[in-house]
Amino acid sequence: MITCKMGGSDECFEAPFSAAAMPMDQQTQNRVRQSFQNLINIDRRVEFTVYFGPTGTYCKSNHKIYVREEGSDRYYGIQLDFMDINPGGRCVIPRCFESTDPVLHRELSEMGTFHGAGQELYDKVIVVMEAFGNYNKFVNNSLDFARVFLRSLGIYTAIPSTSGRFWIWLKRIGRRLSGHDNYPQQETV
């Protein structure tokens, strides 16, 4: 049996240096699908505006993809999340969540549009995760996930240059040196 503790990736210094890719077995796919079903209409085809956001309320180094249905003011984020598994280890899986921070929404970069149903977004996340491999803070991280996921949606807009690895690590070093490294504890699911 796997017991897990999910943490929103706002925990950038608590995030592991590396984590194994979670096998996308049926149980894991159902868990990811549930996070989508609770928020995004799975069956109805709509136009989604797709955004990129390297910022968060507490940790400005986690890259997320946000989608918003045409005519709606609700934003949904798609991000990598870490899961503690017993016995001892961590793995990475995708998670969908509702974003309610209007300040954050103004800072997002619009990347393009995607026409489809929530089921298609979910299917693409599963395909990307199956090919993603193991997480590594330096070479296979949330920025890489965001890039590949955008391509899977048919969006080839370049991610803003200030969201690149150099700038993110510069920000991390600055926060670490300034002592502003107090991020919220993980939530338990």
N, C-alpha and C. Protein backbone atom coordinates (compact mmCIF):
# COMPACT_ATOMS: atom_id res chain seq x y z
N MET A 1 0.84 -1.18 0.00
CA MET A 1 0.00 0.00 0.00
C MET A 1 0.88 1.25 0.00
N ILE A 2 0.48 2.23 -0.78
CA ILE A 2 1.20 3.49 -0.83
C ILE A 2 0.43 4.51 -0.01
N THR A 3 1.11 5.11 0.96
CA THR A 3 0.52 6.25 1.65
C THR A 3 1.25 7.47 1.14
N CYS A 4 0.56 8.56 1.07
CA CYS A 4 1.22 9.72 0.47
C CYS A 4 0.88 10.99 1.20
N LYS A 5 1.74 11.95 1.01
CA LYS A 5 1.54 13.29 1.51
C LYS A 5 1.81 14.20 0.33
N MET A 6 0.81 14.95 -0.07
CA MET A 6 0.96 15.83 -1.22
C MET A 6 1.36 17.20 -0.72
N GLY A 7 2.23 17.83 -1.45
CA GLY A 7 2.59 19.19 -1.13
C GLY A 7 2.52 20.01 -2.39
N GLY A 8 1.84 21.16 -2.34
CA GLY A 8 1.90 22.05 -3.48
C GLY A 8 3.35 22.42 -3.68
N SER A 9 3.76 22.58 -4.86
CA SER A 9 5.18 22.79 -5.12
C SER A 9 5.66 24.16 -4.67
N ASP A 10 4.92 24.86 -3.82
CA ASP A 10 5.37 26.11 -3.25
C ASP A 10 6.46 25.89 -2.21
N GLU A 11 6.91 24.68 -2.05
CA GLU A 11 7.87 24.29 -1.04
C GLU A 11 9.26 24.19 -1.66
N CYS A 12 9.71 25.17 -2.38
CA CYS A 12 10.85 24.95 -3.27
C CYS A 12 12.10 24.43 -2.60
N PHE A 13 12.40 24.80 -1.38
CA PHE A 13 13.61 24.27 -0.79
C PHE A 13 13.37 22.92 -0.12
N GLU A 14 12.13 22.60 0.16
CA GLU A 14 11.83 21.27 0.69
C GLU A 14 11.68 20.26 -0.43
N ALA A 15 11.48 20.75 -1.65
CA ALA A 15 11.34 19.85 -2.80
C ALA A 15 12.63 19.06 -2.95
N PRO A 16 12.51 17.81 -3.33
CA PRO A 16 13.71 16.99 -3.44
C PRO A 16 14.60 17.44 -4.58
N PHE A 17 15.87 17.11 -4.47
CA PHE A 17 16.78 17.36 -5.57
C PHE A 17 16.36 16.51 -6.77
N SER A 18 15.94 15.30 -6.47
CA SER A 18 15.44 14.43 -7.53
C SER A 18 14.31 13.59 -6.96
N ALA A 19 13.46 13.11 -7.84
CA ALA A 19 12.35 12.24 -7.43
C ALA A 19 12.04 11.31 -8.59
N ALA A 20 11.68 10.12 -8.25
CA ALA A 20 11.34 9.14 -9.28
C ALA A 20 10.03 9.52 -9.94
N ALA A 21 9.92 9.17 -11.20
CA ALA A 21 8.65 9.36 -11.90
C ALA A 21 7.67 8.32 -11.36
N MET A 22 6.47 8.76 -11.07
CA MET A 22 5.45 7.84 -10.59
C MET A 22 4.96 7.03 -11.77
N PRO A 23 4.99 5.71 -11.68
CA PRO A 23 4.45 4.92 -12.79
C PRO A 23 2.99 5.32 -13.00
N MET A 24 2.63 5.60 -14.23
CA MET A 24 1.27 6.06 -14.51
C MET A 24 0.33 4.86 -14.64
N ASP A 25 0.27 4.06 -13.56
CA ASP A 25 -0.64 2.93 -13.54
C ASP A 25 -2.07 3.44 -13.38
N GLN A 26 -3.01 2.54 -13.38
CA GLN A 26 -4.42 2.94 -13.35
C GLN A 26 -4.76 3.72 -12.08
N GLN A 27 -4.22 3.31 -10.95
CA GLN A 27 -4.50 4.00 -9.69
C GLN A 27 -3.99 5.45 -9.74
N THR A 28 -2.79 5.65 -10.26
CA THR A 28 -2.23 7.00 -10.35
C THR A 28 -3.01 7.83 -11.35
N GLN A 29 -3.35 7.25 -12.50
CA GLN A 29 -4.14 7.98 -13.50
C GLN A 29 -5.49 8.39 -12.92
N ASN A 30 -6.12 7.51 -12.15
CA ASN A 30 -7.41 7.86 -11.53
C ASN A 30 -7.25 9.01 -10.55
N ARG A 31 -6.15 9.03 -9.80
CA ARG A 31 -5.90 10.10 -8.84
C ARG A 31 -5.74 11.44 -9.58
N VAL A 32 -4.98 11.43 -10.69
CA VAL A 32 -4.78 12.65 -11.47
C VAL A 32 -6.10 13.06 -12.13
N ARG A 33 -6.82 12.09 -12.69
CA ARG A 33 -8.11 12.39 -13.34
C ARG A 33 -9.07 13.03 -12.35
N GLN A 34 -9.07 12.55 -11.12
CA GLN A 34 -9.96 13.12 -10.10
C GLN A 34 -9.66 14.59 -9.87
N SER A 35 -8.37 14.96 -9.86
CA SER A 35 -8.03 16.37 -9.65
C SER A 35 -8.53 17.22 -10.81
N PHE A 36 -8.60 16.64 -12.01
CA PHE A 36 -9.14 17.35 -13.17
C PHE A 36 -10.66 17.40 -13.11
N GLN A 37 -11.29 16.27 -12.84
CA GLN A 37 -12.76 16.21 -12.84
C GLN A 37 -13.38 17.13 -11.82
N ASN A 38 -12.71 17.30 -10.69
CA ASN A 38 -13.27 18.16 -9.65
C ASN A 38 -13.31 19.62 -10.06
N LEU A 39 -12.56 19.98 -11.11
CA LEU A 39 -12.44 21.38 -11.47
C LEU A 39 -12.86 21.70 -12.90
N ILE A 40 -12.34 20.96 -13.85
CA ILE A 40 -12.54 21.26 -15.26
C ILE A 40 -13.60 20.34 -15.84
N ASN A 41 -14.51 20.91 -16.63
CA ASN A 41 -15.53 20.10 -17.30
C ASN A 41 -14.81 19.15 -18.26
N ILE A 42 -14.87 17.88 -17.99
CA ILE A 42 -14.13 16.86 -18.74
C ILE A 42 -14.70 16.66 -20.14
N ASP A 43 -16.02 16.77 -20.30
CA ASP A 43 -16.65 16.36 -21.55
C ASP A 43 -16.92 17.49 -22.55
N ARG A 44 -17.12 18.68 -22.09
CA ARG A 44 -17.52 19.78 -22.98
C ARG A 44 -16.31 20.38 -23.68
N ARG A 45 -16.39 20.52 -25.01
CA ARG A 45 -15.32 21.13 -25.80
C ARG A 45 -15.45 22.65 -25.72
N VAL A 46 -14.37 23.30 -25.35
CA VAL A 46 -14.35 24.75 -25.22
C VAL A 46 -13.01 25.27 -25.72
N GLU A 47 -12.89 26.58 -25.75
CA GLU A 47 -11.59 27.19 -26.04
C GLU A 47 -10.97 27.59 -24.71
N PHE A 48 -9.77 27.07 -24.46
CA PHE A 48 -9.02 27.43 -23.27
C PHE A 48 -7.94 28.42 -23.67
N THR A 49 -7.81 29.50 -22.90
CA THR A 49 -6.64 30.36 -23.04
C THR A 49 -5.60 29.75 -22.11
N VAL A 50 -4.39 29.58 -22.63
CA VAL A 50 -3.33 28.91 -21.88
C VAL A 50 -2.29 29.95 -21.47
N TYR A 51 -1.90 29.89 -20.20
CA TYR A 51 -0.96 30.84 -19.64
C TYR A 51 0.23 30.08 -19.03
N PHE A 52 1.33 30.79 -18.91
CA PHE A 52 2.50 30.26 -18.22
C PHE A 52 2.74 31.14 -17.01
N GLY A 53 3.05 30.53 -15.89
CA GLY A 53 3.31 31.31 -14.70
C GLY A 53 4.43 30.73 -13.88
N PRO A 54 5.56 31.42 -13.83
CA PRO A 54 6.64 30.96 -12.97
C PRO A 54 6.48 31.42 -11.54
N THR A 55 5.42 32.14 -11.25
CA THR A 55 5.28 32.72 -9.92
C THR A 55 4.23 31.99 -9.13
N GLY A 56 4.31 32.14 -7.85
CA GLY A 56 3.33 31.61 -6.92
C GLY A 56 3.24 32.56 -5.75
N THR A 57 2.31 32.32 -4.88
CA THR A 57 2.13 33.21 -3.74
C THR A 57 3.36 33.22 -2.85
N TYR A 58 3.98 32.06 -2.65
CA TYR A 58 5.10 31.98 -1.72
C TYR A 58 6.42 31.66 -2.39
N CYS A 59 6.41 30.91 -3.44
CA CYS A 59 7.66 30.44 -4.03
C CYS A 59 7.68 30.81 -5.50
N LYS A 60 8.54 31.69 -5.90
CA LYS A 60 8.54 32.21 -7.26
C LYS A 60 9.35 31.36 -8.22
N SER A 61 9.62 30.12 -7.89
CA SER A 61 10.46 29.32 -8.76
C SER A 61 9.78 28.08 -9.28
N ASN A 62 8.49 27.95 -9.10
CA ASN A 62 7.79 26.79 -9.62
C ASN A 62 7.02 27.19 -10.87
N HIS A 63 7.22 26.47 -11.94
CA HIS A 63 6.58 26.79 -13.21
C HIS A 63 5.29 26.00 -13.35
N LYS A 64 4.24 26.71 -13.68
CA LYS A 64 2.92 26.09 -13.82
C LYS A 64 2.30 26.54 -15.12
N ILE A 65 1.43 25.71 -15.64
CA ILE A 65 0.60 26.07 -16.78
C ILE A 65 -0.79 26.34 -16.21
N TYR A 66 -1.39 27.43 -16.64
CA TYR A 66 -2.74 27.77 -16.23
C TYR A 66 -3.63 27.77 -17.45
N VAL A 67 -4.88 27.35 -17.26
CA VAL A 67 -5.86 27.41 -18.34
C VAL A 67 -7.09 28.13 -17.83
N ARG A 68 -7.77 28.82 -18.73
CA ARG A 68 -9.01 29.53 -18.40
C ARG A 68 -9.96 29.32 -19.56
N GLU A 69 -11.17 28.86 -19.25
CA GLU A 69 -12.18 28.69 -20.29
C GLU A 69 -12.60 30.04 -20.82
N GLU A 70 -12.86 30.09 -22.12
CA GLU A 70 -13.33 31.33 -22.74
C GLU A 70 -14.59 31.80 -22.02
N GLY A 71 -14.63 33.08 -21.67
CA GLY A 71 -15.79 33.67 -21.01
C GLY A 71 -15.84 33.42 -19.51
N SER A 72 -14.85 32.77 -18.95
CA SER A 72 -14.83 32.47 -17.53
C SER A 72 -13.74 33.30 -16.85
N ASP A 73 -13.91 33.53 -15.56
CA ASP A 73 -12.85 34.21 -14.81
C ASP A 73 -12.14 33.24 -13.88
N ARG A 74 -12.39 31.95 -14.07
CA ARG A 74 -11.75 30.92 -13.24
C ARG A 74 -10.50 30.39 -13.93
N TYR A 75 -9.41 30.33 -13.19
CA TYR A 75 -8.13 29.83 -13.69
C TYR A 75 -7.84 28.49 -13.02
N TYR A 76 -7.29 27.56 -13.81
CA TYR A 76 -6.90 26.26 -13.29
C TYR A 76 -5.43 26.05 -13.58
N GLY A 77 -4.69 25.65 -12.57
CA GLY A 77 -3.26 25.40 -12.74
C GLY A 77 -2.99 23.93 -12.92
N ILE A 78 -1.97 23.64 -13.69
CA ILE A 78 -1.50 22.27 -13.86
C ILE A 78 -0.01 22.31 -13.54
N GLN A 79 0.38 21.52 -12.57
CA GLN A 79 1.75 21.57 -12.08
C GLN A 79 2.24 20.19 -11.70
N LEU A 80 3.54 20.08 -11.50
CA LEU A 80 4.11 18.88 -10.93
C LEU A 80 3.94 18.96 -9.42
N ASP A 81 3.71 17.83 -8.81
CA ASP A 81 3.57 17.78 -7.37
C ASP A 81 4.40 16.62 -6.86
N PHE A 82 4.85 16.73 -5.63
CA PHE A 82 5.66 15.68 -5.04
C PHE A 82 4.80 14.86 -4.10
N MET A 83 5.04 13.57 -4.10
CA MET A 83 4.28 12.67 -3.26
C MET A 83 5.28 11.81 -2.50
N ASP A 84 5.15 11.81 -1.18
CA ASP A 84 5.96 10.91 -0.36
C ASP A 84 5.33 9.54 -0.45
N ILE A 85 6.15 8.55 -0.71
CA ILE A 85 5.62 7.19 -0.77
C ILE A 85 6.34 6.36 0.28
N ASN A 86 5.61 5.45 0.85
CA ASN A 86 6.20 4.54 1.84
C ASN A 86 6.37 3.19 1.18
N PRO A 87 7.46 2.53 1.39
CA PRO A 87 8.54 2.90 2.29
C PRO A 87 9.49 3.89 1.64
N GLY A 88 9.81 4.94 2.37
CA GLY A 88 10.79 5.99 2.10
C GLY A 88 11.10 6.33 0.65
N GLY A 89 10.60 7.39 0.17
CA GLY A 89 10.92 7.86 -1.16
C GLY A 89 9.95 8.94 -1.57
N ARG A 90 10.26 9.58 -2.66
CA ARG A 90 9.38 10.62 -3.21
C ARG A 90 9.22 10.36 -4.68
N CYS A 91 8.07 10.73 -5.18
CA CYS A 91 7.84 10.64 -6.60
C CYS A 91 7.13 11.91 -7.05
N VAL A 92 7.06 12.10 -8.34
CA VAL A 92 6.46 13.30 -8.90
C VAL A 92 5.28 12.89 -9.76
N ILE A 93 4.16 13.61 -9.59
CA ILE A 93 2.97 13.38 -10.40
C ILE A 93 2.36 14.74 -10.75
N PRO A 94 1.53 14.80 -11.79
CA PRO A 94 0.86 16.06 -12.11
C PRO A 94 -0.36 16.27 -11.22
N ARG A 95 -0.75 17.53 -11.06
CA ARG A 95 -1.94 17.86 -10.27
C ARG A 95 -2.61 19.08 -10.89
N CYS A 96 -3.92 19.09 -10.86
CA CYS A 96 -4.72 20.23 -11.33
C CYS A 96 -5.35 20.88 -10.11
N PHE A 97 -5.37 22.21 -10.09
CA PHE A 97 -5.92 22.93 -8.94
C PHE A 97 -6.54 24.22 -9.43
N GLU A 98 -7.47 24.77 -8.64
CA GLU A 98 -8.05 26.07 -8.99
C GLU A 98 -7.18 27.17 -8.40
N SER A 99 -6.89 28.17 -9.21
CA SER A 99 -6.09 29.31 -8.77
C SER A 99 -7.04 30.47 -8.50
N THR A 100 -6.95 31.04 -7.31
CA THR A 100 -7.86 32.11 -6.92
C THR A 100 -7.14 33.42 -6.63
N ASP A 101 -5.89 33.54 -7.02
CA ASP A 101 -5.09 34.73 -6.70
C ASP A 101 -5.14 35.73 -7.86
N PRO A 102 -5.95 36.80 -7.76
CA PRO A 102 -6.07 37.75 -8.87
C PRO A 102 -4.77 38.49 -9.18
N VAL A 103 -3.92 38.69 -8.18
CA VAL A 103 -2.63 39.34 -8.42
C VAL A 103 -1.77 38.44 -9.30
N LEU A 104 -1.75 37.17 -8.99
CA LEU A 104 -1.00 36.21 -9.80
C LEU A 104 -1.53 36.19 -11.23
N HIS A 105 -2.84 36.20 -11.39
CA HIS A 105 -3.44 36.13 -12.72
C HIS A 105 -2.98 37.28 -13.61
N ARG A 106 -2.79 38.45 -13.05
CA ARG A 106 -2.31 39.60 -13.83
C ARG A 106 -0.86 39.42 -14.27
N GLU A 107 -0.09 38.61 -13.54
CA GLU A 107 1.32 38.40 -13.85
C GLU A 107 1.56 37.27 -14.85
N LEU A 108 0.54 36.49 -15.16
CA LEU A 108 0.71 35.35 -16.06
C LEU A 108 1.01 35.80 -17.48
N SER A 109 1.76 34.99 -18.20
CA SER A 109 2.06 35.26 -19.61
C SER A 109 1.14 34.41 -20.47
N GLU A 110 0.35 35.06 -21.32
CA GLU A 110 -0.54 34.32 -22.22
C GLU A 110 0.31 33.65 -23.29
N MET A 111 0.10 32.34 -23.47
CA MET A 111 0.93 31.57 -24.39
C MET A 111 0.18 31.19 -25.67
N GLY A 112 -1.14 31.08 -25.61
CA GLY A 112 -1.91 30.69 -26.78
C GLY A 112 -3.26 30.13 -26.37
N THR A 113 -3.91 29.44 -27.30
CA THR A 113 -5.22 28.84 -27.01
C THR A 113 -5.19 27.36 -27.36
N PHE A 114 -6.07 26.65 -26.70
CA PHE A 114 -6.25 25.22 -26.94
C PHE A 114 -7.74 24.98 -27.06
N HIS A 115 -8.16 24.34 -28.16
CA HIS A 115 -9.57 24.01 -28.37
C HIS A 115 -9.75 22.53 -28.05
N GLY A 116 -10.58 22.25 -27.07
CA GLY A 116 -10.81 20.85 -26.72
C GLY A 116 -11.57 20.73 -25.42
N ALA A 117 -11.69 19.51 -24.96
CA ALA A 117 -12.38 19.22 -23.71
C ALA A 117 -11.36 19.00 -22.61
N GLY A 118 -11.81 19.10 -21.39
CA GLY A 118 -10.94 18.83 -20.25
C GLY A 118 -10.33 17.44 -20.33
N GLN A 119 -11.06 16.48 -20.90
CA GLN A 119 -10.53 15.12 -21.06
C GLN A 119 -9.26 15.14 -21.92
N GLU A 120 -9.23 16.00 -22.93
CA GLU A 120 -8.05 16.08 -23.79
C GLU A 120 -6.87 16.68 -23.03
N LEU A 121 -7.12 17.67 -22.17
CA LEU A 121 -6.05 18.20 -21.32
C LEU A 121 -5.50 17.10 -20.43
N TYR A 122 -6.39 16.36 -19.82
CA TYR A 122 -5.99 15.25 -18.95
C TYR A 122 -5.17 14.22 -19.73
N ASP A 123 -5.66 13.82 -20.92
CA ASP A 123 -4.94 12.83 -21.73
C ASP A 123 -3.53 13.31 -22.06
N LYS A 124 -3.39 14.58 -22.39
CA LYS A 124 -2.08 15.12 -22.73
C LYS A 124 -1.15 15.15 -21.52
N VAL A 125 -1.69 15.47 -20.35
CA VAL A 125 -0.88 15.44 -19.13
C VAL A 125 -0.35 14.03 -18.88
N ILE A 126 -1.19 13.03 -19.06
CA ILE A 126 -0.77 11.64 -18.84
C ILE A 126 0.33 11.25 -19.82
N VAL A 127 0.16 11.60 -21.09
CA VAL A 127 1.18 11.28 -22.10
C VAL A 127 2.50 11.97 -21.76
N VAL A 128 2.43 13.26 -21.39
CA VAL A 128 3.66 14.00 -21.05
C VAL A 128 4.33 13.36 -19.83
N MET A 129 3.56 12.99 -18.82
CA MET A 129 4.14 12.39 -17.62
C MET A 129 4.76 11.04 -17.91
N GLU A 130 4.15 10.26 -18.78
CA GLU A 130 4.72 8.96 -19.11
C GLU A 130 6.09 9.11 -19.77
N ALA A 131 6.30 10.20 -20.50
CA ALA A 131 7.58 10.44 -21.17
C ALA A 131 8.52 11.30 -20.34
N PHE A 132 8.04 11.89 -19.26
CA PHE A 132 8.82 12.88 -18.49
C PHE A 132 10.06 12.28 -17.84
N GLY A 133 9.94 11.13 -17.27
CA GLY A 133 11.08 10.53 -16.57
C GLY A 133 11.21 11.06 -15.16
N ASN A 134 12.37 10.85 -14.57
CA ASN A 134 12.60 11.26 -13.20
C ASN A 134 12.81 12.77 -13.09
N TYR A 135 12.31 13.34 -12.03
CA TYR A 135 12.46 14.77 -11.75
C TYR A 135 13.88 15.04 -11.27
N ASN A 136 14.45 16.16 -11.70
CA ASN A 136 15.74 16.63 -11.22
C ASN A 136 15.67 18.15 -11.19
N LYS A 137 16.06 18.77 -10.08
CA LYS A 137 15.95 20.22 -9.94
C LYS A 137 16.66 21.00 -11.03
N PHE A 138 17.73 20.44 -11.58
CA PHE A 138 18.52 21.17 -12.55
C PHE A 138 18.17 20.88 -14.00
N VAL A 139 17.89 19.64 -14.34
CA VAL A 139 17.79 19.28 -15.76
C VAL A 139 16.46 18.69 -16.21
N ASN A 140 15.59 18.36 -15.32
CA ASN A 140 14.28 17.82 -15.70
C ASN A 140 13.29 18.22 -14.62
N ASN A 141 12.84 19.48 -14.70
CA ASN A 141 12.05 20.04 -13.61
C ASN A 141 10.74 20.62 -14.13
N SER A 142 10.12 21.48 -13.33
CA SER A 142 8.81 22.03 -13.70
C SER A 142 8.87 22.89 -14.96
N LEU A 143 10.00 23.52 -15.23
CA LEU A 143 10.14 24.28 -16.47
C LEU A 143 10.11 23.35 -17.68
N ASP A 144 10.79 22.23 -17.59
CA ASP A 144 10.79 21.25 -18.67
C ASP A 144 9.38 20.67 -18.87
N PHE A 145 8.70 20.38 -17.76
CA PHE A 145 7.33 19.88 -17.85
C PHE A 145 6.44 20.90 -18.55
N ALA A 146 6.57 22.17 -18.17
CA ALA A 146 5.75 23.22 -18.78
C ALA A 146 6.01 23.32 -20.27
N ARG A 147 7.26 23.28 -20.67
CA ARG A 147 7.60 23.37 -22.11
C ARG A 147 7.01 22.21 -22.90
N VAL A 148 7.18 21.01 -22.39
CA VAL A 148 6.68 19.83 -23.11
C VAL A 148 5.16 19.83 -23.13
N PHE A 149 4.54 20.22 -22.03
CA PHE A 149 3.07 20.26 -21.99
C PHE A 149 2.53 21.29 -22.97
N LEU A 150 3.15 22.46 -23.04
CA LEU A 150 2.72 23.47 -24.01
C LEU A 150 2.82 22.92 -25.43
N ARG A 151 3.92 22.25 -25.76
CA ARG A 151 4.07 21.67 -27.10
C ARG A 151 2.99 20.63 -27.38
N SER A 152 2.64 19.85 -26.36
CA SER A 152 1.61 18.83 -26.56
C SER A 152 0.26 19.46 -26.86
N LEU A 153 0.06 20.70 -26.42
CA LEU A 153 -1.18 21.43 -26.71
C LEU A 153 -1.11 22.15 -28.06
N GLY A 154 0.03 22.03 -28.75
CA GLY A 154 0.20 22.71 -30.03
C GLY A 154 0.59 24.17 -29.88
N ILE A 155 1.14 24.53 -28.72
CA ILE A 155 1.55 25.91 -28.45
C ILE A 155 3.08 25.95 -28.42
N TYR A 156 3.64 26.72 -29.33
CA TYR A 156 5.09 26.78 -29.46
C TYR A 156 5.65 28.15 -29.11
N THR A 157 4.86 28.98 -28.45
CA THR A 157 5.32 30.29 -28.01
C THR A 157 6.47 30.10 -27.02
N ALA A 158 7.51 30.91 -27.16
CA ALA A 158 8.66 30.80 -26.26
C ALA A 158 8.27 31.25 -24.85
N ILE A 159 8.73 30.51 -23.88
CA ILE A 159 8.52 30.88 -22.49
C ILE A 159 9.35 32.13 -22.21
N PRO A 160 8.79 33.11 -21.48
CA PRO A 160 9.52 34.36 -21.23
C PRO A 160 10.92 34.10 -20.67
N SER A 161 11.89 34.86 -21.15
CA SER A 161 13.29 34.60 -20.81
C SER A 161 13.58 34.78 -19.32
N THR A 162 12.84 35.61 -18.64
CA THR A 162 13.09 35.79 -17.20
C THR A 162 12.57 34.61 -16.39
N SER A 163 12.01 33.61 -17.07
CA SER A 163 11.55 32.41 -16.39
C SER A 163 12.55 31.27 -16.53
N GLY A 164 13.67 31.54 -17.18
CA GLY A 164 14.65 30.49 -17.42
C GLY A 164 15.38 30.07 -16.16
N ARG A 165 16.12 29.01 -16.28
CA ARG A 165 16.82 28.43 -15.14
C ARG A 165 17.76 29.43 -14.46
N PHE A 166 18.51 30.22 -15.24
CA PHE A 166 19.45 31.17 -14.64
C PHE A 166 18.74 32.12 -13.70
N TRP A 167 17.63 32.73 -14.17
CA TRP A 167 16.91 33.71 -13.35
C TRP A 167 16.28 33.06 -12.14
N ILE A 168 15.75 31.86 -12.32
CA ILE A 168 15.12 31.16 -11.20
C ILE A 168 16.15 30.86 -10.12
N TRP A 169 17.29 30.35 -10.53
CA TRP A 169 18.31 30.03 -9.53
C TRP A 169 18.89 31.29 -8.90
N LEU A 170 18.99 32.36 -9.65
CA LEU A 170 19.43 33.63 -9.07
C LEU A 170 18.46 34.08 -7.98
N LYS A 171 17.14 33.97 -8.26
CA LYS A 171 16.14 34.32 -7.26
C LYS A 171 16.26 33.42 -6.03
N ARG A 172 16.46 32.11 -6.25
CA ARG A 172 16.58 31.18 -5.13
C ARG A 172 17.77 31.54 -4.25
N ILE A 173 18.89 31.84 -4.88
CA ILE A 173 20.08 32.19 -4.12
C ILE A 173 19.82 33.46 -3.32
N GLY A 174 19.18 34.46 -3.95
CA GLY A 174 18.86 35.69 -3.25
C GLY A 174 17.96 35.47 -2.05
N ARG A 175 16.94 34.63 -2.21
CA ARG A 175 16.05 34.34 -1.08
C ARG A 175 16.80 33.61 0.01
N ARG A 176 17.65 32.69 -0.38
CA ARG A 176 18.40 31.91 0.60
C ARG A 176 19.33 32.83 1.40
N LEU A 177 20.03 33.71 0.71
CA LEU A 177 20.96 34.62 1.38
C LEU A 177 20.26 35.66 2.23
N SER A 178 19.08 36.09 1.81
CA SER A 178 18.36 37.12 2.55
C SER A 178 17.59 36.56 3.75
N GLY A 179 17.49 35.25 3.83
CA GLY A 179 16.78 34.63 4.94
C GLY A 179 15.28 34.53 4.72
N HIS A 180 14.79 34.94 3.56
CA HIS A 180 13.37 34.83 3.25
C HIS A 180 13.08 33.48 2.64
N ASP A 181 13.23 32.48 3.46
CA ASP A 181 13.14 31.10 3.03
C ASP A 181 12.08 30.36 3.85
N ASN A 182 11.11 31.10 4.36
CA ASN A 182 10.11 30.51 5.24
C ASN A 182 8.84 30.25 4.47
N TYR A 183 8.74 29.10 3.90
CA TYR A 183 7.58 28.75 3.10
C TYR A 183 6.63 27.89 3.93
N PRO A 184 5.35 27.87 3.57
CA PRO A 184 4.37 27.13 4.36
C PRO A 184 4.65 25.64 4.35
N GLN A 185 4.17 24.99 5.38
CA GLN A 185 4.32 23.54 5.50
C GLN A 185 3.46 22.84 4.46
N GLN A 186 3.78 21.58 4.21
CA GLN A 186 3.02 20.79 3.26
C GLN A 186 1.62 20.53 3.80
N GLU A 187 0.69 20.44 2.87
CA GLU A 187 -0.65 20.03 3.26
C GLU A 187 -0.71 18.51 3.18
N THR A 188 -1.56 17.93 3.95
CA THR A 188 -1.70 16.47 3.93
C THR A 188 -3.01 16.13 3.25
N VAL A 189 -2.93 15.19 2.32
CA VAL A 189 -4.13 14.74 1.60
C VAL A 189 -4.39 13.31 1.96
